[in-house]
Amino acid sequence: MKRLFRKFLEMADVYGFFERDPFGNILFIKRILMALLGALTYGRLNLTNRLHVEGTEHLKDLPNEGVLFLSNHQTYFMDVIAMFHIFFSLKWGFRNTIDFPIYLLAPRARVYYVAASETMKGGLIPRILSQGGAILVERSWRAKGQDVKREVDLSAAEKIDKAVKFGWVVSFPQGTTSPYAPVRKGTAHLIKQSNPIVVPVVINGFRRAFDKKGLLLKKRGTRLSVRFKAPIRFDPELSVEEIVERVEDFIEQEKPEGKRWWVEKKKEA
């Protein structure tokens, strides 16, 4: 009985209620924000649409810190919100499902995701994400939907490194929702610097179900999928270019060789 009670207390995160993360956020307040976020978005993921989850068996034994999730990207917000729901559900012992939203009573607080600061302006959900888990960075290559060239945000790597050392971080290494966009070298530099456990993630269906931001529904009844692959450690001797190449492969974003090839593959599918 004592063991079960202790397990419940750990699951409910009653320990360290007023603990702060490296950015000064009180974790108890963050849990409230994450619960609110979950309540606002659950229906869009698992009632209006259906979320299919694979691979959470790879996550159950991961440490609570030092983990970097790298995924392809289809919407600004709903991709990461779906992953947060899965993390919350897994913390309560549910695998490959978010069918039991009781997990919103005590969601995982040590979760973060990397976001372009310009995408986080306006709207309730972006504001909650900004306060609860977003690591805001300035993109050096894109602004307001246009390609630009500006100085690299040198503080970004430091902020992401802090978050990785404290918890789980979700990053979209392509830096855009466009399919088959190249992986940015900043991801490889982060991996070499922080040496995190890397979990590749492949998502699908979000682009069909939601608008670009992931806040408005486009098509109901869409099958959404999130697939986690086995965790890996990159060899520190690998070059930045080699890491980039492997990440593109792991998140299945290697660019098809020519339009005709792509059309033929789609017809076969």
C-alpha atoms as a PDB file:
ATOM      1  CA  MET A   1       0.000   0.000   0.000  1.00  0.00           C
ATOM      2  CA  LYS A   2       2.814   2.418   0.859  1.00  0.00           C
ATOM      3  CA  ARG A   3       4.438   1.719  -2.479  1.00  0.00           C
ATOM      4  CA  LEU A   4       1.212   2.446  -4.372  1.00  0.00           C
ATOM      5  CA  PHE A   5       0.659   5.634  -2.370  1.00  0.00           C
ATOM      6  CA  ARG A   6       4.206   6.809  -3.083  1.00  0.00           C
ATOM      7  CA  LYS A   7       3.713   6.040  -6.771  1.00  0.00           C
ATOM      8  CA  PHE A   8       0.550   8.134  -6.786  1.00  0.00           C
ATOM      9  CA  LEU A   9       2.325  11.048  -5.105  1.00  0.00           C
ATOM     10  CA  GLU A  10       5.109  10.905  -7.678  1.00  0.00           C
ATOM     11  CA  MET A  11       2.583  10.761 -10.511  1.00  0.00           C
ATOM     12  CA  ALA A  12       0.673  13.712  -9.081  1.00  0.00           C
ATOM     13  CA  ASP A  13       3.932  15.659  -8.670  1.00  0.00           C
ATOM     14  CA  VAL A  14       3.163  16.784  -5.131  1.00  0.00           C
ATOM     15  CA  TYR A  15       6.877  16.880  -4.408  1.00  0.00           C
ATOM     16  CA  GLY A  16       8.515  20.234  -5.084  1.00  0.00           C
ATOM     17  CA  PHE A  17       5.265  22.110  -5.747  1.00  0.00           C
ATOM     18  CA  PHE A  18       7.085  25.432  -5.691  1.00  0.00           C
ATOM     19  CA  GLU A  19      10.220  24.302  -7.466  1.00  0.00           C
ATOM     20  CA  ARG A  20      11.316  26.616 -10.261  1.00  0.00           C
ATOM     21  CA  ASP A  21      12.749  25.673 -13.623  1.00  0.00           C
ATOM     22  CA  PRO A  22      15.956  27.252 -15.028  1.00  0.00           C
ATOM     23  CA  PHE A  23      13.888  30.103 -16.491  1.00  0.00           C
ATOM     24  CA  GLY A  24      12.330  31.060 -13.168  1.00  0.00           C
ATOM     25  CA  ASN A  25       8.908  29.485 -13.821  1.00  0.00           C
ATOM     26  CA  ILE A  26       7.183  27.874 -10.824  1.00  0.00           C
ATOM     27  CA  LEU A  27       6.414  24.298 -11.851  1.00  0.00           C
ATOM     28  CA  PHE A  28       3.104  24.225  -9.989  1.00  0.00           C
ATOM     29  CA  ILE A  29       1.877  27.208 -12.025  1.00  0.00           C
ATOM     30  CA  LYS A  30       3.204  25.578 -15.180  1.00  0.00           C
ATOM     31  CA  ARG A  31       1.187  22.418 -14.435  1.00  0.00           C
ATOM     32  CA  ILE A  32      -1.954  24.538 -14.195  1.00  0.00           C
ATOM     33  CA  LEU A  33      -1.163  26.126 -17.566  1.00  0.00           C
ATOM     34  CA  MET A  34      -0.480  22.738 -19.154  1.00  0.00           C
ATOM     35  CA  ALA A  35      -3.750  21.358 -17.766  1.00  0.00           C
ATOM     36  CA  LEU A  36      -5.618  24.333 -19.235  1.00  0.00           C
ATOM     37  CA  LEU A  37      -3.877  23.851 -22.558  1.00  0.00           C
ATOM     38  CA  GLY A  38      -4.809  20.171 -22.530  1.00  0.00           C
ATOM     39  CA  ALA A  39      -8.447  20.875 -21.732  1.00  0.00           C
ATOM     40  CA  LEU A  40      -8.702  23.405 -24.567  1.00  0.00           C
ATOM     41  CA  THR A  41      -7.178  21.079 -27.177  1.00  0.00           C
ATOM     42  CA  TYR A  42      -8.135  17.524 -26.227  1.00  0.00           C
ATOM     43  CA  GLY A  43     -11.337  17.471 -28.262  1.00  0.00           C
ATOM     44  CA  ARG A  44      -9.612  18.586 -31.468  1.00  0.00           C
ATOM     45  CA  LEU A  45      -7.065  15.800 -31.187  1.00  0.00           C
ATOM     46  CA  ASN A  46      -9.110  12.855 -30.015  1.00  0.00           C
ATOM     47  CA  LEU A  47     -12.820  13.586 -30.509  1.00  0.00           C
ATOM     48  CA  THR A  48     -13.147  15.659 -33.668  1.00  0.00           C
ATOM     49  CA  ASN A  49     -10.176  13.698 -35.027  1.00  0.00           C
ATOM     50  CA  ARG A  50      -8.439  10.532 -33.787  1.00  0.00           C
ATOM     51  CA  LEU A  51      -4.852  10.453 -32.591  1.00  0.00           C
ATOM     52  CA  HIS A  52      -2.944   7.231 -33.245  1.00  0.00           C
ATOM     53  CA  VAL A  53       0.209   6.845 -31.140  1.00  0.00           C
ATOM     54  CA  GLU A  54       3.077   4.398 -31.601  1.00  0.00           C
ATOM     55  CA  GLY A  55       6.374   3.798 -29.840  1.00  0.00           C
ATOM     56  CA  THR A  56       5.814   5.092 -26.303  1.00  0.00           C
ATOM     57  CA  GLU A  57       7.435   1.872 -25.085  1.00  0.00           C
ATOM     58  CA  HIS A  58      10.682   3.583 -26.111  1.00  0.00           C
ATOM     59  CA  LEU A  59       9.971   6.451 -23.685  1.00  0.00           C
ATOM     60  CA  LYS A  60       8.969   4.696 -20.476  1.00  0.00           C
ATOM     61  CA  ASP A  61      12.514   4.240 -19.170  1.00  0.00           C
ATOM     62  CA  LEU A  62      13.918   7.590 -20.284  1.00  0.00           C
ATOM     63  CA  PRO A  63      15.347   9.886 -17.594  1.00  0.00           C
ATOM     64  CA  ASN A  64      13.383  12.997 -16.625  1.00  0.00           C
ATOM     65  CA  GLU A  65      16.044  15.243 -18.118  1.00  0.00           C
ATOM     66  CA  GLY A  66      18.537  15.303 -20.965  1.00  0.00           C
ATOM     67  CA  VAL A  67      16.117  14.190 -23.699  1.00  0.00           C
ATOM     68  CA  LEU A  68      15.656  15.927 -27.059  1.00  0.00           C
ATOM     69  CA  PHE A  69      12.732  14.978 -29.314  1.00  0.00           C
ATOM     70  CA  LEU A  70      13.305  15.801 -32.995  1.00  0.00           C
ATOM     71  CA  SER A  71      10.285  15.752 -35.287  1.00  0.00           C
ATOM     72  CA  ASN A  72       9.077  16.762 -38.711  1.00  0.00           C
ATOM     73  CA  HIS A  73       6.719  19.740 -38.597  1.00  0.00           C
ATOM     74  CA  GLN A  74       3.228  20.276 -40.053  1.00  0.00           C
ATOM     75  CA  THR A  75       1.519  23.013 -37.980  1.00  0.00           C
ATOM     76  CA  TYR A  76       2.815  25.730 -35.675  1.00  0.00           C
ATOM     77  CA  PHE A  77       1.122  24.490 -32.513  1.00  0.00           C
ATOM     78  CA  MET A  78      -0.917  21.290 -32.753  1.00  0.00           C
ATOM     79  CA  ASP A  79       2.101  19.055 -33.480  1.00  0.00           C
ATOM     80  CA  VAL A  80       3.757  19.868 -30.180  1.00  0.00           C
ATOM     81  CA  ILE A  81       0.455  20.002 -28.278  1.00  0.00           C
ATOM     82  CA  ALA A  82      -0.224  16.408 -29.380  1.00  0.00           C
ATOM     83  CA  MET A  83       3.202  15.357 -28.111  1.00  0.00           C
ATOM     84  CA  PHE A  84       2.588  17.115 -24.796  1.00  0.00           C
ATOM     85  CA  HIS A  85      -0.683  15.178 -24.398  1.00  0.00           C
ATOM     86  CA  ILE A  86       1.216  11.945 -25.041  1.00  0.00           C
ATOM     87  CA  PHE A  87       3.905  12.876 -22.486  1.00  0.00           C
ATOM     88  CA  PHE A  88       1.226  13.697 -19.897  1.00  0.00           C
ATOM     89  CA  SER A  89      -0.597  10.425 -20.564  1.00  0.00           C
ATOM     90  CA  LEU A  90       2.605   8.380 -20.395  1.00  0.00           C
ATOM     91  CA  LYS A  91       3.436   9.903 -17.024  1.00  0.00           C
ATOM     92  CA  TRP A  92       0.200   8.409 -15.700  1.00  0.00           C
ATOM     93  CA  GLY A  93       1.127   4.991 -17.058  1.00  0.00           C
ATOM     94  CA  PHE A  94      -0.962   4.985 -20.246  1.00  0.00           C
ATOM     95  CA  ARG A  95       0.908   3.760 -23.321  1.00  0.00           C
ATOM     96  CA  ASN A  96       0.211   4.636 -26.954  1.00  0.00           C
ATOM     97  CA  THR A  97      -3.025   6.437 -26.090  1.00  0.00           C
ATOM     98  CA  ILE A  98      -4.487   9.709 -24.869  1.00  0.00           C
ATOM     99  CA  ASP A  99      -7.941   8.178 -24.348  1.00  0.00           C
ATOM    100  CA  PHE A 100      -7.953   8.831 -20.589  1.00  0.00           C
ATOM    101  CA  PRO A 101      -7.671  12.616 -19.997  1.00  0.00           C
ATOM    102  CA  ILE A 102      -7.505  12.112 -16.244  1.00  0.00           C
ATOM    103  CA  TYR A 103      -3.793  12.739 -16.874  1.00  0.00           C
ATOM    104  CA  LEU A 104      -4.635  16.459 -17.115  1.00  0.00           C
ATOM    105  CA  LEU A 105      -5.072  16.497 -13.322  1.00  0.00           C
ATOM    106  CA  ALA A 106      -1.269  16.463 -12.997  1.00  0.00           C
ATOM    107  CA  PRO A 107       0.496  16.885 -16.336  1.00  0.00           C
ATOM    108  CA  ARG A 108       4.235  16.587 -16.780  1.00  0.00           C
ATOM    109  CA  ALA A 109       5.795  19.982 -16.090  1.00  0.00           C
ATOM    110  CA  ARG A 110       9.389  19.496 -17.265  1.00  0.00           C
ATOM    111  CA  VAL A 111       8.534  19.760 -20.954  1.00  0.00           C
ATOM    112  CA  TYR A 112       9.581  22.458 -23.410  1.00  0.00           C
ATOM    113  CA  TYR A 113       9.571  23.123 -27.096  1.00  0.00           C
ATOM    114  CA  VAL A 114      11.567  25.367 -29.371  1.00  0.00           C
ATOM    115  CA  ALA A 115       9.480  28.015 -31.156  1.00  0.00           C
ATOM    116  CA  ALA A 116      10.120  31.011 -33.374  1.00  0.00           C
ATOM    117  CA  SER A 117       9.167  34.082 -31.340  1.00  0.00           C
ATOM    118  CA  GLU A 118       7.176  35.614 -34.220  1.00  0.00           C
ATOM    119  CA  THR A 119       4.764  32.654 -34.274  1.00  0.00           C
ATOM    120  CA  MET A 120       3.815  33.042 -30.609  1.00  0.00           C
ATOM    121  CA  LYS A 121       2.037  36.389 -30.843  1.00  0.00           C
ATOM    122  CA  GLY A 122      -1.715  36.612 -30.362  1.00  0.00           C
ATOM    123  CA  GLY A 123      -4.342  34.091 -29.314  1.00  0.00           C
ATOM    124  CA  LEU A 124      -4.969  32.242 -26.059  1.00  0.00           C
ATOM    125  CA  ILE A 125      -3.230  28.964 -26.942  1.00  0.00           C
ATOM    126  CA  PRO A 126       0.023  30.626 -28.163  1.00  0.00           C
ATOM    127  CA  ARG A 127       0.054  32.716 -24.975  1.00  0.00           C
ATOM    128  CA  ILE A 128      -0.345  29.648 -22.761  1.00  0.00           C
ATOM    129  CA  LEU A 129       2.441  27.877 -24.665  1.00  0.00           C
ATOM    130  CA  SER A 130       4.669  30.928 -24.349  1.00  0.00           C
ATOM    131  CA  GLN A 131       4.198  31.029 -20.590  1.00  0.00           C
ATOM    132  CA  GLY A 132       4.207  27.286 -20.043  1.00  0.00           C
ATOM    133  CA  GLY A 133       6.814  25.665 -22.210  1.00  0.00           C
ATOM    134  CA  ALA A 134       8.058  27.584 -25.237  1.00  0.00           C
ATOM    135  CA  ILE A 135      11.727  28.425 -25.677  1.00  0.00           C
ATOM    136  CA  LEU A 136      11.514  31.466 -27.933  1.00  0.00           C
ATOM    137  CA  VAL A 137      14.243  31.970 -30.511  1.00  0.00           C
ATOM    138  CA  GLU A 138      14.764  34.431 -33.346  1.00  0.00           C
ATOM    139  CA  ARG A 139      15.100  32.694 -36.690  1.00  0.00           C
ATOM    140  CA  SER A 140      18.014  34.036 -38.695  1.00  0.00           C
ATOM    141  CA  TRP A 141      16.737  32.766 -42.044  1.00  0.00           C
ATOM    142  CA  ARG A 142      13.015  33.568 -42.037  1.00  0.00           C
ATOM    143  CA  ALA A 143      10.664  36.285 -40.787  1.00  0.00           C
ATOM    144  CA  LYS A 144       6.988  37.001 -41.533  1.00  0.00           C
ATOM    145  CA  GLY A 145       6.887  34.283 -44.171  1.00  0.00           C
ATOM    146  CA  GLN A 146       9.848  35.668 -46.093  1.00  0.00           C
ATOM    147  CA  ASP A 147      13.418  34.435 -46.467  1.00  0.00           C
ATOM    148  CA  VAL A 148      15.817  36.786 -44.695  1.00  0.00           C
ATOM    149  CA  LYS A 149      19.435  36.933 -43.594  1.00  0.00           C
ATOM    150  CA  ARG A 150      20.162  38.302 -40.150  1.00  0.00           C
ATOM    151  CA  GLU A 151      22.467  37.653 -37.236  1.00  0.00           C
ATOM    152  CA  VAL A 152      22.177  34.287 -35.519  1.00  0.00           C
ATOM    153  CA  ASP A 153      20.400  34.342 -32.145  1.00  0.00           C
ATOM    154  CA  LEU A 154      23.383  33.399 -30.001  1.00  0.00           C
ATOM    155  CA  SER A 155      21.262  33.092 -26.863  1.00  0.00           C
ATOM    156  CA  ALA A 156      19.100  30.360 -28.414  1.00  0.00           C
ATOM    157  CA  ALA A 157      21.598  27.523 -27.961  1.00  0.00           C
ATOM    158  CA  GLU A 158      22.146  28.467 -24.321  1.00  0.00           C
ATOM    159  CA  LYS A 159      18.401  28.520 -23.582  1.00  0.00           C
ATOM    160  CA  ILE A 160      17.798  25.185 -25.284  1.00  0.00           C
ATOM    161  CA  ASP A 161      20.784  23.623 -23.511  1.00  0.00           C
ATOM    162  CA  LYS A 162      19.351  24.761 -20.144  1.00  0.00           C
ATOM    163  CA  ALA A 163      15.981  23.238 -20.944  1.00  0.00           C
ATOM    164  CA  VAL A 164      17.490  19.938 -22.137  1.00  0.00           C
ATOM    165  CA  LYS A 165      19.466  19.582 -18.914  1.00  0.00           C
ATOM    166  CA  PHE A 166      16.285  20.127 -16.887  1.00  0.00           C
ATOM    167  CA  GLY A 167      13.689  18.127 -18.798  1.00  0.00           C
ATOM    168  CA  TRP A 168      12.344  16.973 -22.160  1.00  0.00           C
ATOM    169  CA  VAL A 169      12.575  19.311 -25.145  1.00  0.00           C
ATOM    170  CA  VAL A 170      10.700  19.061 -28.456  1.00  0.00           C
ATOM    171  CA  SER A 171      12.377  20.652 -31.456  1.00  0.00           C
ATOM    172  CA  PHE A 172      11.484  20.822 -35.125  1.00  0.00           C
ATOM    173  CA  PRO A 173      14.916  20.866 -36.759  1.00  0.00           C
ATOM    174  CA  GLN A 174      13.668  21.993 -40.171  1.00  0.00           C
ATOM    175  CA  GLY A 175      12.431  25.254 -38.671  1.00  0.00           C
ATOM    176  CA  THR A 176       9.429  25.353 -41.004  1.00  0.00           C
ATOM    177  CA  THR A 177       6.222  23.455 -41.718  1.00  0.00           C
ATOM    178  CA  SER A 178       7.222  22.937 -45.365  1.00  0.00           C
ATOM    179  CA  PRO A 179       7.784  19.227 -46.113  1.00  0.00           C
ATOM    180  CA  TYR A 180      11.308  18.073 -46.986  1.00  0.00           C
ATOM    181  CA  ALA A 181      12.873  21.381 -45.956  1.00  0.00           C
ATOM    182  CA  PRO A 182      16.546  20.953 -44.990  1.00  0.00           C
ATOM    183  CA  VAL A 183      17.477  20.331 -41.362  1.00  0.00           C
ATOM    184  CA  ARG A 184      19.155  23.396 -39.875  1.00  0.00           C
ATOM    185  CA  LYS A 185      22.746  23.039 -38.733  1.00  0.00           C
ATOM    186  CA  GLY A 186      21.906  24.590 -35.372  1.00  0.00           C
ATOM    187  CA  THR A 187      20.320  21.271 -34.368  1.00  0.00           C
ATOM    188  CA  ALA A 188      23.571  19.430 -35.063  1.00  0.00           C
ATOM    189  CA  HIS A 189      25.574  21.998 -33.071  1.00  0.00           C
ATOM    190  CA  LEU A 190      23.153  21.566 -30.143  1.00  0.00           C
ATOM    191  CA  ILE A 191      23.547  17.788 -30.252  1.00  0.00           C
ATOM    192  CA  LYS A 192      27.328  18.076 -30.254  1.00  0.00           C
ATOM    193  CA  GLN A 193      27.256  20.593 -27.403  1.00  0.00           C
ATOM    194  CA  SER A 194      24.678  19.007 -25.083  1.00  0.00           C
ATOM    195  CA  ASN A 195      25.011  15.311 -26.047  1.00  0.00           C
ATOM    196  CA  PRO A 196      21.339  14.582 -25.234  1.00  0.00           C
ATOM    197  CA  ILE A 197      19.419  11.380 -25.713  1.00  0.00           C
ATOM    198  CA  VAL A 198      17.698  11.984 -29.061  1.00  0.00           C
ATOM    199  CA  VAL A 199      14.262  10.550 -29.823  1.00  0.00           C
ATOM    200  CA  PRO A 200      13.226  10.824 -33.493  1.00  0.00           C
ATOM    201  CA  VAL A 201       9.514  11.450 -34.070  1.00  0.00           C
ATOM    202  CA  VAL A 202       7.463  11.197 -37.260  1.00  0.00           C
ATOM    203  CA  ILE A 203       4.035  12.846 -37.392  1.00  0.00           C
ATOM    204  CA  ASN A 204       1.337  12.794 -40.050  1.00  0.00           C
ATOM    205  CA  GLY A 205      -2.211  13.995 -40.672  1.00  0.00           C
ATOM    206  CA  PHE A 206      -1.926  17.362 -38.934  1.00  0.00           C
ATOM    207  CA  ARG A 207      -1.562  19.292 -42.186  1.00  0.00           C
ATOM    208  CA  ARG A 208      -4.817  17.776 -43.465  1.00  0.00           C
ATOM    209  CA  ALA A 209      -6.766  18.295 -40.242  1.00  0.00           C
ATOM    210  CA  PHE A 210      -5.720  21.823 -39.262  1.00  0.00           C
ATOM    211  CA  ASP A 211      -4.749  25.179 -40.717  1.00  0.00           C
ATOM    212  CA  LYS A 212      -1.092  26.194 -40.795  1.00  0.00           C
ATOM    213  CA  LYS A 213      -1.148  27.410 -37.200  1.00  0.00           C
ATOM    214  CA  GLY A 214      -2.920  24.275 -36.017  1.00  0.00           C
ATOM    215  CA  LEU A 215      -5.684  26.218 -34.300  1.00  0.00           C
ATOM    216  CA  LEU A 216      -8.526  25.973 -36.847  1.00  0.00           C
ATOM    217  CA  LEU A 217     -10.027  22.743 -38.155  1.00  0.00           C
ATOM    218  CA  LYS A 218      -9.857  22.062 -41.892  1.00  0.00           C
ATOM    219  CA  LYS A 219     -11.085  18.471 -42.037  1.00  0.00           C
ATOM    220  CA  ARG A 220     -12.875  16.487 -39.358  1.00  0.00           C
ATOM    221  CA  GLY A 221     -12.393  12.775 -38.798  1.00  0.00           C
ATOM    222  CA  THR A 222      -8.731  12.844 -39.816  1.00  0.00           C
ATOM    223  CA  ARG A 223      -6.398  10.141 -38.597  1.00  0.00           C
ATOM    224  CA  LEU A 224      -3.522  11.899 -36.830  1.00  0.00           C
ATOM    225  CA  SER A 225      -0.396   9.907 -36.099  1.00  0.00           C
ATOM    226  CA  VAL A 226       2.630  10.363 -33.862  1.00  0.00           C
ATOM    227  CA  ARG A 227       5.322   7.679 -34.030  1.00  0.00           C
ATOM    228  CA  PHE A 228       8.282   7.640 -31.639  1.00  0.00           C
ATOM    229  CA  LYS A 229      11.420   5.798 -32.714  1.00  0.00           C
ATOM    230  CA  ALA A 230      14.048   4.215 -30.463  1.00  0.00           C
ATOM    231  CA  PRO A 231      16.253   6.710 -28.565  1.00  0.00           C
ATOM    232  CA  ILE A 232      19.785   7.212 -29.863  1.00  0.00           C
ATOM    233  CA  ARG A 233      23.056   8.834 -28.843  1.00  0.00           C
ATOM    234  CA  PHE A 234      25.073  10.501 -31.555  1.00  0.00           C
ATOM    235  CA  ASP A 235      28.780   9.792 -31.790  1.00  0.00           C
ATOM    236  CA  PRO A 236      30.486  13.053 -30.706  1.00  0.00           C
ATOM    237  CA  GLU A 237      33.058  12.487 -33.427  1.00  0.00           C
ATOM    238  CA  LEU A 238      30.452  12.926 -36.168  1.00  0.00           C
ATOM    239  CA  SER A 239      30.642  16.142 -38.165  1.00  0.00           C
ATOM    240  CA  VAL A 240      27.790  18.661 -38.233  1.00  0.00           C
ATOM    241  CA  GLU A 241      26.996  17.629 -41.802  1.00  0.00           C
ATOM    242  CA  GLU A 242      26.854  13.941 -40.858  1.00  0.00           C
ATOM    243  CA  ILE A 243      24.483  14.651 -37.967  1.00  0.00           C
ATOM    244  CA  VAL A 244      22.235  16.727 -40.231  1.00  0.00           C
ATOM    245  CA  GLU A 245      22.097  13.895 -42.751  1.00  0.00           C
ATOM    246  CA  ARG A 246      21.195  11.336 -40.080  1.00  0.00           C
ATOM    247  CA  VAL A 247      18.505  13.556 -38.555  1.00  0.00           C
ATOM    248  CA  GLU A 248      16.856  14.005 -41.961  1.00  0.00           C
ATOM    249  CA  ASP A 249      16.816  10.236 -42.324  1.00  0.00           C
ATOM    250  CA  PHE A 250      15.498   9.580 -38.802  1.00  0.00           C
ATOM    251  CA  ILE A 251      12.554  11.995 -39.162  1.00  0.00           C
ATOM    252  CA  GLU A 252      11.950  10.733 -42.712  1.00  0.00           C
ATOM    253  CA  GLN A 253      12.512  14.068 -44.398  1.00  0.00           C
ATOM    254  CA  GLU A 254      15.065  13.158 -47.029  1.00  0.00           C
ATOM    255  CA  LYS A 255      13.961  15.016 -50.136  1.00  0.00           C
ATOM    256  CA  PRO A 256      12.545  12.783 -52.895  1.00  0.00           C
ATOM    257  CA  GLU A 257      14.739  12.769 -55.979  1.00  0.00           C
ATOM    258  CA  GLY A 258      12.646  14.575 -58.538  1.00  0.00           C
ATOM    259  CA  LYS A 259       8.955  15.355 -58.937  1.00  0.00           C
ATOM    260  CA  ARG A 260       8.233  12.355 -61.149  1.00  0.00           C
ATOM    261  CA  TRP A 261       9.624   9.956 -58.530  1.00  0.00           C
ATOM    262  CA  TRP A 262       7.403  11.544 -55.894  1.00  0.00           C
ATOM    263  CA  VAL A 263       4.279  11.334 -58.048  1.00  0.00           C
ATOM    264  CA  GLU A 264       4.951   7.658 -58.799  1.00  0.00           C
ATOM    265  CA  LYS A 265       5.439   6.870 -55.099  1.00  0.00           C
ATOM    266  CA  LYS A 266       2.182   8.600 -54.216  1.00  0.00           C
ATOM    267  CA  LYS A 267       0.328   6.560 -56.817  1.00  0.00           C
ATOM    268  CA  GLU A 268       1.777   3.339 -55.426  1.00  0.00           C
ATOM    269  CA  ALA A 269       0.757   4.212 -51.844  1.00  0.00           C
END
